[in-house]
Amino acid sequence: MAIATSTAAMISAAVALAGAAAGTAGAVQQAENRRQQEEYQSELAARNAQQAELNAEAADDAARQERRAGYEAAQAKRQEAARIIGSQRAEAGASGAQTDVGSALDKNLDTAEKGELDALSAEQQGQSRAHMQDMRAWSLRNQSAEAASTADFAGSRADTDYLGLSSTLLNGATRVGRNFYTIGSRGPLLP
């Protein structure tokens, strides 16, 4: 009878040991799967960070182009006003009127004022469009920084989860130890 009890206890201990080994193998596989998933998430976030930075650089370029276009439009408006004033002065001079006094001067000043207002408006519109691109670049850089942070975090989590693995090992060892304690407390294993 003692042998049968001892044999049953040994079988129980062997089953517990096999269960601990299987649990450990499962925990190792789960940890590896988590590591691979975290690596994938890290790489994806890093690519998103790179793409956001490229988009931010494109927005910076667009902002520079908008500023340049606004400046060029303003210069074109000023040149157009200067041509109109030159034409007005030529007309007044051809008719024999003095171009630097009276209504001819008022007309030239009005044209210069309207031309400058149009030029400033064109430049302001360019600056507004550039500001929108600057804000877009700023937002994209924030997205890039957030994605880079996510990549770093996911990369750090990609390390194997040894806490779960060690917990599985300790639980299995506890069960095996209980079985061997049970065997030892019932007396010697041999008759």
N, C-alpha and C. Protein backbone atom coordinates (compact mmCIF):
# COMPACT_ATOMS: atom_id res chain seq x y z
N MET A 1 0.81 -1.19 0.00
CA MET A 1 0.00 0.00 0.00
C MET A 1 0.86 1.25 0.00
N ALA A 2 1.96 1.19 0.75
CA ALA A 2 2.86 2.32 0.80
C ALA A 2 3.48 2.58 -0.55
N ILE A 3 3.73 1.50 -1.29
CA ILE A 3 4.32 1.67 -2.62
C ILE A 3 3.30 2.31 -3.55
N ALA A 4 2.07 1.89 -3.46
CA ALA A 4 1.03 2.44 -4.32
C ALA A 4 0.83 3.93 -4.04
N THR A 5 0.85 4.30 -2.78
CA THR A 5 0.70 5.71 -2.42
C THR A 5 1.91 6.49 -2.89
N SER A 6 3.08 5.92 -2.69
CA SER A 6 4.30 6.58 -3.14
C SER A 6 4.32 6.70 -4.65
N THR A 7 3.87 5.68 -5.35
CA THR A 7 3.84 5.71 -6.80
C THR A 7 2.86 6.77 -7.28
N ALA A 8 1.72 6.85 -6.64
CA ALA A 8 0.72 7.86 -7.00
C ALA A 8 1.27 9.27 -6.76
N ALA A 9 1.98 9.41 -5.66
CA ALA A 9 2.57 10.72 -5.35
C ALA A 9 3.65 11.07 -6.36
N MET A 10 4.43 10.06 -6.76
CA MET A 10 5.48 10.31 -7.76
C MET A 10 4.86 10.68 -9.10
N ILE A 11 3.80 9.98 -9.46
CA ILE A 11 3.11 10.30 -10.72
C ILE A 11 2.53 11.71 -10.66
N SER A 12 1.95 12.04 -9.51
CA SER A 12 1.39 13.38 -9.33
C SER A 12 2.49 14.43 -9.44
N ALA A 13 3.65 14.15 -8.85
CA ALA A 13 4.77 15.08 -8.93
C ALA A 13 5.26 15.21 -10.37
N ALA A 14 5.30 14.08 -11.08
CA ALA A 14 5.75 14.10 -12.48
C ALA A 14 4.77 14.89 -13.34
N VAL A 15 3.48 14.71 -13.07
CA VAL A 15 2.46 15.47 -13.81
C VAL A 15 2.60 16.95 -13.51
N ALA A 16 2.83 17.30 -12.26
CA ALA A 16 3.01 18.70 -11.90
C ALA A 16 4.25 19.28 -12.58
N LEU A 17 5.31 18.47 -12.63
CA LEU A 17 6.54 18.92 -13.29
C LEU A 17 6.30 19.11 -14.79
N ALA A 18 5.58 18.18 -15.41
CA ALA A 18 5.27 18.32 -16.84
C ALA A 18 4.37 19.54 -17.07
N GLY A 19 3.42 19.76 -16.17
CA GLY A 19 2.56 20.93 -16.27
C GLY A 19 3.35 22.23 -16.15
N ALA A 20 4.31 22.24 -15.24
CA ALA A 20 5.16 23.42 -15.09
C ALA A 20 5.98 23.66 -16.34
N ALA A 21 6.50 22.57 -16.92
CA ALA A 21 7.29 22.70 -18.14
C ALA A 21 6.42 23.21 -19.29
N ALA A 22 5.21 22.64 -19.40
CA ALA A 22 4.30 23.09 -20.47
C ALA A 22 3.88 24.55 -20.25
N GLY A 23 3.60 24.91 -19.02
CA GLY A 23 3.24 26.29 -18.71
C GLY A 23 4.37 27.25 -19.02
N THR A 24 5.57 26.84 -18.70
CA THR A 24 6.74 27.67 -18.99
C THR A 24 6.92 27.83 -20.50
N ALA A 25 6.77 26.71 -21.23
CA ALA A 25 6.90 26.79 -22.69
C ALA A 25 5.83 27.72 -23.27
N GLY A 26 4.61 27.63 -22.74
CA GLY A 26 3.53 28.52 -23.20
C GLY A 26 3.83 29.97 -22.88
N ALA A 27 4.36 30.20 -21.68
CA ALA A 27 4.71 31.57 -21.28
C ALA A 27 5.82 32.12 -22.15
N VAL A 28 6.79 31.28 -22.50
CA VAL A 28 7.88 31.71 -23.37
C VAL A 28 7.32 32.09 -24.74
N GLN A 29 6.40 31.27 -25.28
CA GLN A 29 5.81 31.57 -26.59
C GLN A 29 4.98 32.86 -26.54
N GLN A 30 4.22 33.05 -25.47
CA GLN A 30 3.44 34.28 -25.33
C GLN A 30 4.36 35.50 -25.25
N ALA A 31 5.44 35.36 -24.49
CA ALA A 31 6.39 36.48 -24.36
C ALA A 31 7.01 36.79 -25.72
N GLU A 32 7.34 35.76 -26.48
CA GLU A 32 7.91 35.98 -27.82
C GLU A 32 6.89 36.65 -28.75
N ASN A 33 5.66 36.21 -28.69
CA ASN A 33 4.61 36.84 -29.51
C ASN A 33 4.43 38.31 -29.15
N ARG A 34 4.42 38.60 -27.84
CA ARG A 34 4.30 40.00 -27.40
C ARG A 34 5.50 40.81 -27.89
N ARG A 35 6.69 40.21 -27.79
CA ARG A 35 7.90 40.92 -28.22
C ARG A 35 7.81 41.24 -29.71
N GLN A 36 7.39 40.28 -30.52
CA GLN A 36 7.27 40.51 -31.96
C GLN A 36 6.23 41.59 -32.26
N GLN A 37 5.12 41.56 -31.55
CA GLN A 37 4.07 42.57 -31.75
C GLN A 37 4.58 43.96 -31.37
N GLU A 38 5.27 44.05 -30.26
CA GLU A 38 5.81 45.35 -29.82
C GLU A 38 6.87 45.86 -30.80
N GLU A 39 7.71 44.95 -31.33
CA GLU A 39 8.69 45.36 -32.33
C GLU A 39 8.00 45.90 -33.58
N TYR A 40 6.95 45.22 -34.01
CA TYR A 40 6.19 45.68 -35.17
C TYR A 40 5.59 47.06 -34.90
N GLN A 41 4.99 47.24 -33.73
CA GLN A 41 4.40 48.53 -33.36
C GLN A 41 5.48 49.62 -33.31
N SER A 42 6.64 49.26 -32.81
CA SER A 42 7.75 50.21 -32.73
C SER A 42 8.20 50.63 -34.13
N GLU A 43 8.35 49.66 -35.03
CA GLU A 43 8.77 49.98 -36.40
C GLU A 43 7.72 50.81 -37.12
N LEU A 44 6.46 50.48 -36.92
CA LEU A 44 5.36 51.22 -37.54
C LEU A 44 5.34 52.67 -37.03
N ALA A 45 5.49 52.84 -35.74
CA ALA A 45 5.50 54.19 -35.17
C ALA A 45 6.72 54.97 -35.65
N ALA A 46 7.86 54.31 -35.80
CA ALA A 46 9.06 54.99 -36.31
C ALA A 46 8.85 55.45 -37.75
N ARG A 47 8.22 54.60 -38.57
CA ARG A 47 7.92 55.00 -39.96
C ARG A 47 6.94 56.17 -39.98
N ASN A 48 5.95 56.13 -39.09
CA ASN A 48 4.99 57.25 -39.01
C ASN A 48 5.70 58.54 -38.61
N ALA A 49 6.66 58.44 -37.70
CA ALA A 49 7.42 59.62 -37.28
C ALA A 49 8.22 60.18 -38.45
N GLN A 50 8.85 59.30 -39.22
CA GLN A 50 9.62 59.74 -40.39
C GLN A 50 8.72 60.41 -41.42
N GLN A 51 7.56 59.81 -41.68
CA GLN A 51 6.65 60.36 -42.67
C GLN A 51 6.11 61.71 -42.21
N ALA A 52 5.79 61.84 -40.93
CA ALA A 52 5.30 63.11 -40.42
C ALA A 52 6.38 64.19 -40.54
N GLU A 53 7.63 63.82 -40.30
CA GLU A 53 8.72 64.80 -40.44
C GLU A 53 8.89 65.21 -41.90
N LEU A 54 8.80 64.25 -42.82
CA LEU A 54 8.87 64.59 -44.25
C LEU A 54 7.73 65.53 -44.65
N ASN A 55 6.54 65.25 -44.14
CA ASN A 55 5.40 66.12 -44.43
C ASN A 55 5.60 67.51 -43.82
N ALA A 56 6.20 67.57 -42.65
CA ALA A 56 6.48 68.87 -42.02
C ALA A 56 7.48 69.67 -42.86
N GLU A 57 8.49 68.98 -43.38
CA GLU A 57 9.47 69.66 -44.25
C GLU A 57 8.79 70.17 -45.51
N ALA A 58 7.86 69.38 -46.06
CA ALA A 58 7.11 69.83 -47.25
C ALA A 58 6.26 71.05 -46.90
N ALA A 59 5.68 71.07 -45.71
CA ALA A 59 4.89 72.22 -45.28
C ALA A 59 5.78 73.45 -45.10
N ASP A 60 7.00 73.25 -44.59
CA ASP A 60 7.95 74.36 -44.48
C ASP A 60 8.27 74.94 -45.86
N ASP A 61 8.50 74.04 -46.82
CA ASP A 61 8.76 74.50 -48.19
C ASP A 61 7.57 75.26 -48.75
N ALA A 62 6.37 74.74 -48.51
CA ALA A 62 5.16 75.41 -48.99
C ALA A 62 5.02 76.79 -48.35
N ALA A 63 5.37 76.90 -47.08
CA ALA A 63 5.29 78.20 -46.39
C ALA A 63 6.27 79.20 -47.03
N ARG A 64 7.47 78.73 -47.32
CA ARG A 64 8.45 79.62 -47.98
C ARG A 64 7.93 80.05 -49.35
N GLN A 65 7.35 79.11 -50.08
CA GLN A 65 6.81 79.45 -51.40
C GLN A 65 5.66 80.45 -51.30
N GLU A 66 4.81 80.29 -50.30
CA GLU A 66 3.69 81.22 -50.11
C GLU A 66 4.20 82.63 -49.76
N ARG A 67 5.23 82.70 -48.91
CA ARG A 67 5.80 84.01 -48.58
C ARG A 67 6.40 84.66 -49.83
N ARG A 68 7.12 83.84 -50.58
CA ARG A 68 7.73 84.34 -51.82
C ARG A 68 6.66 84.80 -52.81
N ALA A 69 5.59 83.98 -52.96
CA ALA A 69 4.51 84.34 -53.88
C ALA A 69 3.82 85.62 -53.43
N GLY A 70 3.62 85.79 -52.12
CA GLY A 70 3.01 87.02 -51.60
C GLY A 70 3.88 88.23 -51.87
N TYR A 71 5.19 88.07 -51.67
CA TYR A 71 6.13 89.16 -51.93
C TYR A 71 6.13 89.53 -53.42
N GLU A 72 6.17 88.50 -54.27
CA GLU A 72 6.18 88.76 -55.72
C GLU A 72 4.88 89.39 -56.19
N ALA A 73 3.75 88.96 -55.61
CA ALA A 73 2.46 89.57 -55.97
C ALA A 73 2.43 91.02 -55.53
N ALA A 74 2.99 91.32 -54.36
CA ALA A 74 3.04 92.69 -53.88
C ALA A 74 3.91 93.55 -54.81
N GLN A 75 5.05 93.00 -55.21
CA GLN A 75 5.92 93.73 -56.13
C GLN A 75 5.22 93.98 -57.47
N ALA A 76 4.50 92.98 -57.94
CA ALA A 76 3.77 93.13 -59.21
C ALA A 76 2.72 94.23 -59.08
N LYS A 77 2.02 94.29 -57.95
CA LYS A 77 1.00 95.35 -57.73
C LYS A 77 1.67 96.73 -57.70
N ARG A 78 2.80 96.83 -57.08
CA ARG A 78 3.51 98.11 -57.02
C ARG A 78 3.97 98.54 -58.42
N GLN A 79 4.48 97.57 -59.18
CA GLN A 79 4.92 97.88 -60.55
C GLN A 79 3.72 98.28 -61.42
N GLU A 80 2.60 97.59 -61.22
CA GLU A 80 1.40 97.94 -61.98
C GLU A 80 0.95 99.36 -61.64
N ALA A 81 0.97 99.71 -60.35
CA ALA A 81 0.60 101.06 -59.93
C ALA A 81 1.56 102.08 -60.53
N ALA A 82 2.85 101.76 -60.55
CA ALA A 82 3.84 102.68 -61.12
C ALA A 82 3.59 102.87 -62.62
N ARG A 83 3.22 101.81 -63.33
CA ARG A 83 2.92 101.94 -64.77
C ARG A 83 1.69 102.82 -64.99
N ILE A 84 0.66 102.59 -64.15
CA ILE A 84 -0.56 103.41 -64.29
C ILE A 84 -0.25 104.87 -64.01
N ILE A 85 0.54 105.13 -62.98
CA ILE A 85 0.91 106.52 -62.65
C ILE A 85 1.71 107.13 -63.80
N GLY A 86 2.64 106.34 -64.35
CA GLY A 86 3.41 106.83 -65.50
C GLY A 86 2.50 107.15 -66.67
N SER A 87 1.52 106.31 -66.90
CA SER A 87 0.56 106.54 -67.99
C SER A 87 -0.27 107.80 -67.71
N GLN A 88 -0.70 107.97 -66.47
CA GLN A 88 -1.48 109.16 -66.09
C GLN A 88 -0.65 110.43 -66.27
N ARG A 89 0.59 110.37 -65.88
CA ARG A 89 1.46 111.55 -66.01
C ARG A 89 1.71 111.88 -67.50
N ALA A 90 1.86 110.82 -68.30
CA ALA A 90 2.09 111.03 -69.74
C ALA A 90 0.86 111.67 -70.37
N GLU A 91 -0.32 111.19 -69.98
CA GLU A 91 -1.57 111.77 -70.51
C GLU A 91 -1.69 113.24 -70.12
N ALA A 92 -1.42 113.52 -68.84
CA ALA A 92 -1.53 114.91 -68.35
C ALA A 92 -0.49 115.79 -69.05
N GLY A 93 0.71 115.25 -69.21
CA GLY A 93 1.77 116.03 -69.88
C GLY A 93 1.44 116.26 -71.34
N ALA A 94 0.84 115.30 -72.01
CA ALA A 94 0.48 115.44 -73.43
C ALA A 94 -0.63 116.47 -73.62
N SER A 95 -1.47 116.62 -72.61
CA SER A 95 -2.56 117.59 -72.73
C SER A 95 -2.10 118.99 -72.33
N GLY A 96 -0.89 119.11 -71.86
CA GLY A 96 -0.36 120.41 -71.49
C GLY A 96 -0.56 120.76 -70.03
N ALA A 97 -1.16 119.87 -69.22
CA ALA A 97 -1.39 120.16 -67.80
C ALA A 97 -0.13 119.86 -67.00
N GLN A 98 -0.03 120.52 -65.88
CA GLN A 98 1.09 120.25 -64.98
C GLN A 98 0.79 118.94 -64.24
N THR A 99 1.80 118.07 -64.15
CA THR A 99 1.58 116.74 -63.56
C THR A 99 1.84 116.70 -62.07
N ASP A 100 2.50 117.70 -61.51
CA ASP A 100 2.87 117.67 -60.09
C ASP A 100 2.01 118.57 -59.22
N VAL A 101 0.90 119.06 -59.72
CA VAL A 101 0.02 119.92 -58.92
C VAL A 101 -1.43 119.62 -59.26
N GLY A 102 -2.30 120.03 -58.37
CA GLY A 102 -3.73 119.97 -58.65
C GLY A 102 -4.29 118.57 -58.77
N SER A 103 -5.29 118.46 -59.66
CA SER A 103 -6.03 117.20 -59.80
C SER A 103 -5.15 116.09 -60.39
N ALA A 104 -4.19 116.42 -61.22
CA ALA A 104 -3.30 115.40 -61.77
C ALA A 104 -2.47 114.76 -60.65
N LEU A 105 -1.99 115.59 -59.74
CA LEU A 105 -1.24 115.07 -58.58
C LEU A 105 -2.14 114.23 -57.69
N ASP A 106 -3.36 114.71 -57.44
CA ASP A 106 -4.30 113.95 -56.61
C ASP A 106 -4.58 112.57 -57.22
N LYS A 107 -4.77 112.56 -58.55
CA LYS A 107 -5.04 111.30 -59.24
C LYS A 107 -3.85 110.34 -59.09
N ASN A 108 -2.63 110.88 -59.23
CA ASN A 108 -1.43 110.05 -59.09
C ASN A 108 -1.30 109.51 -57.66
N LEU A 109 -1.57 110.36 -56.68
CA LEU A 109 -1.48 109.94 -55.28
C LEU A 109 -2.54 108.88 -54.95
N ASP A 110 -3.75 109.07 -55.48
CA ASP A 110 -4.81 108.06 -55.27
C ASP A 110 -4.40 106.72 -55.87
N THR A 111 -3.86 106.76 -57.06
CA THR A 111 -3.43 105.53 -57.72
C THR A 111 -2.30 104.87 -56.95
N ALA A 112 -1.35 105.67 -56.45
CA ALA A 112 -0.24 105.13 -55.67
C ALA A 112 -0.75 104.50 -54.37
N GLU A 113 -1.72 105.18 -53.73
CA GLU A 113 -2.27 104.66 -52.48
C GLU A 113 -3.00 103.33 -52.72
N LYS A 114 -3.84 103.29 -53.74
CA LYS A 114 -4.58 102.06 -54.05
C LYS A 114 -3.61 100.93 -54.44
N GLY A 115 -2.59 101.27 -55.19
CA GLY A 115 -1.60 100.28 -55.58
C GLY A 115 -0.87 99.71 -54.37
N GLU A 116 -0.52 100.59 -53.44
CA GLU A 116 0.18 100.13 -52.24
C GLU A 116 -0.74 99.27 -51.36
N LEU A 117 -2.01 99.69 -51.25
CA LEU A 117 -2.97 98.87 -50.49
C LEU A 117 -3.13 97.49 -51.12
N ASP A 118 -3.23 97.45 -52.44
CA ASP A 118 -3.32 96.16 -53.14
C ASP A 118 -2.06 95.32 -52.91
N ALA A 119 -0.90 95.98 -52.93
CA ALA A 119 0.37 95.28 -52.71
C ALA A 119 0.43 94.72 -51.29
N LEU A 120 0.04 95.53 -50.32
CA LEU A 120 0.06 95.07 -48.93
C LEU A 120 -0.94 93.92 -48.72
N SER A 121 -2.09 94.03 -49.38
CA SER A 121 -3.09 92.97 -49.29
C SER A 121 -2.54 91.67 -49.87
N ALA A 122 -1.89 91.74 -51.03
CA ALA A 122 -1.31 90.55 -51.65
C ALA A 122 -0.23 89.95 -50.76
N GLU A 123 0.59 90.81 -50.16
CA GLU A 123 1.64 90.31 -49.28
C GLU A 123 1.04 89.68 -48.02
N GLN A 124 0.00 90.31 -47.48
CA GLN A 124 -0.67 89.77 -46.29
C GLN A 124 -1.31 88.41 -46.59
N GLN A 125 -1.91 88.27 -47.75
CA GLN A 125 -2.51 86.99 -48.13
C GLN A 125 -1.43 85.91 -48.22
N GLY A 126 -0.29 86.26 -48.79
CA GLY A 126 0.83 85.31 -48.84
C GLY A 126 1.31 84.93 -47.45
N GLN A 127 1.38 85.93 -46.56
CA GLN A 127 1.81 85.66 -45.19
C GLN A 127 0.79 84.78 -44.46
N SER A 128 -0.49 85.02 -44.72
CA SER A 128 -1.53 84.20 -44.09
C SER A 128 -1.45 82.75 -44.56
N ARG A 129 -1.27 82.56 -45.85
CA ARG A 129 -1.14 81.20 -46.37
C ARG A 129 0.13 80.54 -45.82
N ALA A 130 1.20 81.32 -45.72
CA ALA A 130 2.45 80.79 -45.16
C ALA A 130 2.26 80.40 -43.69
N HIS A 131 1.52 81.23 -42.96
CA HIS A 131 1.26 80.93 -41.55
C HIS A 131 0.49 79.61 -41.42
N MET A 132 -0.48 79.40 -42.29
CA MET A 132 -1.23 78.14 -42.26
C MET A 132 -0.28 76.95 -42.50
N GLN A 133 0.66 77.11 -43.42
CA GLN A 133 1.63 76.05 -43.68
C GLN A 133 2.58 75.87 -42.48
N ASP A 134 2.94 76.98 -41.84
CA ASP A 134 3.78 76.89 -40.64
C ASP A 134 3.06 76.12 -39.54
N MET A 135 1.77 76.40 -39.37
CA MET A 135 0.99 75.70 -38.35
C MET A 135 0.86 74.21 -38.70
N ARG A 136 0.70 73.93 -39.99
CA ARG A 136 0.63 72.53 -40.44
C ARG A 136 1.96 71.83 -40.14
N ALA A 137 3.07 72.51 -40.42
CA ALA A 137 4.39 71.92 -40.14
C ALA A 137 4.56 71.68 -38.64
N TRP A 138 4.12 72.64 -37.83
CA TRP A 138 4.22 72.50 -36.38
C TRP A 138 3.41 71.29 -35.91
N SER A 139 2.20 71.16 -36.42
CA SER A 139 1.34 70.03 -36.05
C SER A 139 1.97 68.71 -36.48
N LEU A 140 2.52 68.68 -37.68
CA LEU A 140 3.16 67.46 -38.17
C LEU A 140 4.39 67.11 -37.34
N ARG A 141 5.12 68.11 -36.90
CA ARG A 141 6.29 67.83 -36.05
C ARG A 141 5.85 67.28 -34.70
N ASN A 142 4.73 67.78 -34.19
CA ASN A 142 4.20 67.21 -32.95
C ASN A 142 3.79 65.75 -33.17
N GLN A 143 3.17 65.47 -34.29
CA GLN A 143 2.81 64.10 -34.61
C GLN A 143 4.06 63.24 -34.72
N SER A 144 5.10 63.79 -35.33
CA SER A 144 6.35 63.06 -35.48
C SER A 144 6.96 62.75 -34.11
N ALA A 145 6.96 63.74 -33.23
CA ALA A 145 7.52 63.53 -31.89
C ALA A 145 6.70 62.50 -31.12
N GLU A 146 5.39 62.57 -31.25
CA GLU A 146 4.52 61.60 -30.57
C GLU A 146 4.76 60.19 -31.11
N ALA A 147 4.88 60.07 -32.43
CA ALA A 147 5.12 58.76 -33.03
C ALA A 147 6.50 58.23 -32.62
N ALA A 148 7.49 59.11 -32.55
CA ALA A 148 8.83 58.68 -32.12
C ALA A 148 8.79 58.21 -30.67
N SER A 149 8.04 58.91 -29.84
CA SER A 149 7.90 58.51 -28.44
C SER A 149 7.20 57.15 -28.34
N THR A 150 6.17 56.97 -29.16
CA THR A 150 5.47 55.68 -29.19
C THR A 150 6.41 54.58 -29.64
N ALA A 151 7.25 54.89 -30.63
CA ALA A 151 8.21 53.90 -31.12
C ALA A 151 9.19 53.51 -30.02
N ASP A 152 9.68 54.50 -29.29
CA ASP A 152 10.61 54.22 -28.20
C ASP A 152 9.95 53.37 -27.12
N PHE A 153 8.71 53.75 -26.77
CA PHE A 153 7.99 53.02 -25.73
C PHE A 153 7.73 51.58 -26.15
N ALA A 154 7.25 51.41 -27.38
CA ALA A 154 6.97 50.06 -27.88
C ALA A 154 8.27 49.26 -27.98
N GLY A 155 9.35 49.92 -28.37
CA GLY A 155 10.64 49.23 -28.45
C GLY A 155 11.12 48.77 -27.09
N SER A 156 10.88 49.59 -26.07
CA SER A 156 11.31 49.19 -24.72
C SER A 156 10.43 48.06 -24.18
N ARG A 157 9.18 48.02 -24.61
CA ARG A 157 8.28 46.95 -24.17
C ARG A 157 8.52 45.66 -24.95
N ALA A 158 9.28 45.76 -26.04
CA ALA A 158 9.53 44.59 -26.87
C ALA A 158 10.42 43.57 -26.18
N ASP A 159 11.09 43.99 -25.11
CA ASP A 159 11.90 43.03 -24.36
C ASP A 159 10.98 41.97 -23.77
N THR A 160 11.48 40.75 -23.68
CA THR A 160 10.68 39.63 -23.22
C THR A 160 10.15 39.89 -21.81
N ASP A 161 8.91 39.50 -21.60
CA ASP A 161 8.26 39.68 -20.31
C ASP A 161 8.70 38.55 -19.37
N TYR A 162 9.83 38.76 -18.70
CA TYR A 162 10.36 37.72 -17.84
C TYR A 162 9.59 37.62 -16.52
N LEU A 163 8.86 38.66 -16.17
CA LEU A 163 8.08 38.59 -14.95
C LEU A 163 6.99 37.53 -15.07
N GLY A 164 6.27 37.51 -16.18
CA GLY A 164 5.25 36.49 -16.41
C GLY A 164 5.88 35.11 -16.51
N LEU A 165 7.03 35.02 -17.14
CA LEU A 165 7.73 33.75 -17.29
C LEU A 165 8.18 33.23 -15.93
N SER A 166 8.76 34.09 -15.11
CA SER A 166 9.22 33.65 -13.79
C SER A 166 8.05 33.30 -12.89
N SER A 167 6.93 33.98 -13.03
CA SER A 167 5.74 33.64 -12.25
C SER A 167 5.27 32.23 -12.59
N THR A 168 5.26 31.90 -13.88
CA THR A 168 4.85 30.55 -14.31
C THR A 168 5.81 29.51 -13.75
N LEU A 169 7.10 29.80 -13.81
CA LEU A 169 8.09 28.85 -13.26
C LEU A 169 7.92 28.67 -11.75
N LEU A 170 7.70 29.73 -11.02
CA LEU A 170 7.55 29.64 -9.57
C LEU A 170 6.29 28.86 -9.19
N ASN A 171 5.21 29.11 -9.90
CA ASN A 171 3.98 28.37 -9.61
C ASN A 171 4.18 26.87 -9.86
N GLY A 172 4.83 26.53 -10.96
CA GLY A 172 5.10 25.12 -11.26
C GLY A 172 6.02 24.49 -10.23
N ALA A 173 7.05 25.22 -9.85
CA ALA A 173 7.99 24.70 -8.85
C ALA A 173 7.28 24.51 -7.51
N THR A 174 6.36 25.39 -7.18
CA THR A 174 5.61 25.26 -5.93
C THR A 174 4.78 23.98 -5.93
N ARG A 175 4.11 23.71 -7.05
CA ARG A 175 3.30 22.49 -7.15
C ARG A 175 4.17 21.24 -7.05
N VAL A 176 5.29 21.24 -7.76
CA VAL A 176 6.19 20.09 -7.70
C VAL A 176 6.72 19.93 -6.27
N GLY A 177 7.09 21.03 -5.66
CA GLY A 177 7.60 20.98 -4.29
C GLY A 177 6.56 20.46 -3.32
N ARG A 178 5.30 20.86 -3.47
CA ARG A 178 4.24 20.35 -2.61
C ARG A 178 4.08 18.84 -2.75
N ASN A 179 4.16 18.38 -4.01
CA ASN A 179 4.03 16.94 -4.23
C ASN A 179 5.19 16.17 -3.58
N PHE A 180 6.41 16.67 -3.70
CA PHE A 180 7.53 15.99 -3.08
C PHE A 180 7.46 16.08 -1.56
N TYR A 181 6.93 17.18 -1.05
CA TYR A 181 6.75 17.30 0.40
C TYR A 181 5.73 16.28 0.88
N THR A 182 4.66 16.14 0.06
CA THR A 182 3.63 15.17 0.40
C THR A 182 4.22 13.76 0.40
N ILE A 183 5.04 13.45 -0.58
CA ILE A 183 5.66 12.12 -0.65
C ILE A 183 6.56 11.92 0.56
N GLY A 184 7.36 12.89 0.90
CA GLY A 184 8.29 12.78 2.03
C GLY A 184 7.58 12.68 3.36
N SER A 185 6.44 13.31 3.51
CA SER A 185 5.74 13.29 4.79
C SER A 185 5.01 11.98 5.02
N ARG A 186 4.81 11.21 3.97
CA ARG A 186 4.12 9.91 4.11
C ARG A 186 5.11 8.79 4.43
N GLY A 187 6.33 9.13 4.46
CA GLY A 187 7.29 8.08 4.79
C GLY A 187 8.24 7.85 3.65
N PRO A 188 9.11 6.85 3.79
CA PRO A 188 10.12 6.58 2.76
C PRO A 188 9.47 6.08 1.48
N LEU A 189 10.12 6.40 0.37
CA LEU A 189 9.60 5.99 -0.92
C LEU A 189 9.76 4.52 -1.17
N LEU A 190 10.76 3.92 -0.59
CA LEU A 190 11.01 2.48 -0.81
C LEU A 190 10.45 1.68 0.37
N PRO A 191 10.04 0.38 0.13
CA PRO A 191 9.50 -0.44 1.22
C PRO A 191 10.50 -0.78 2.28
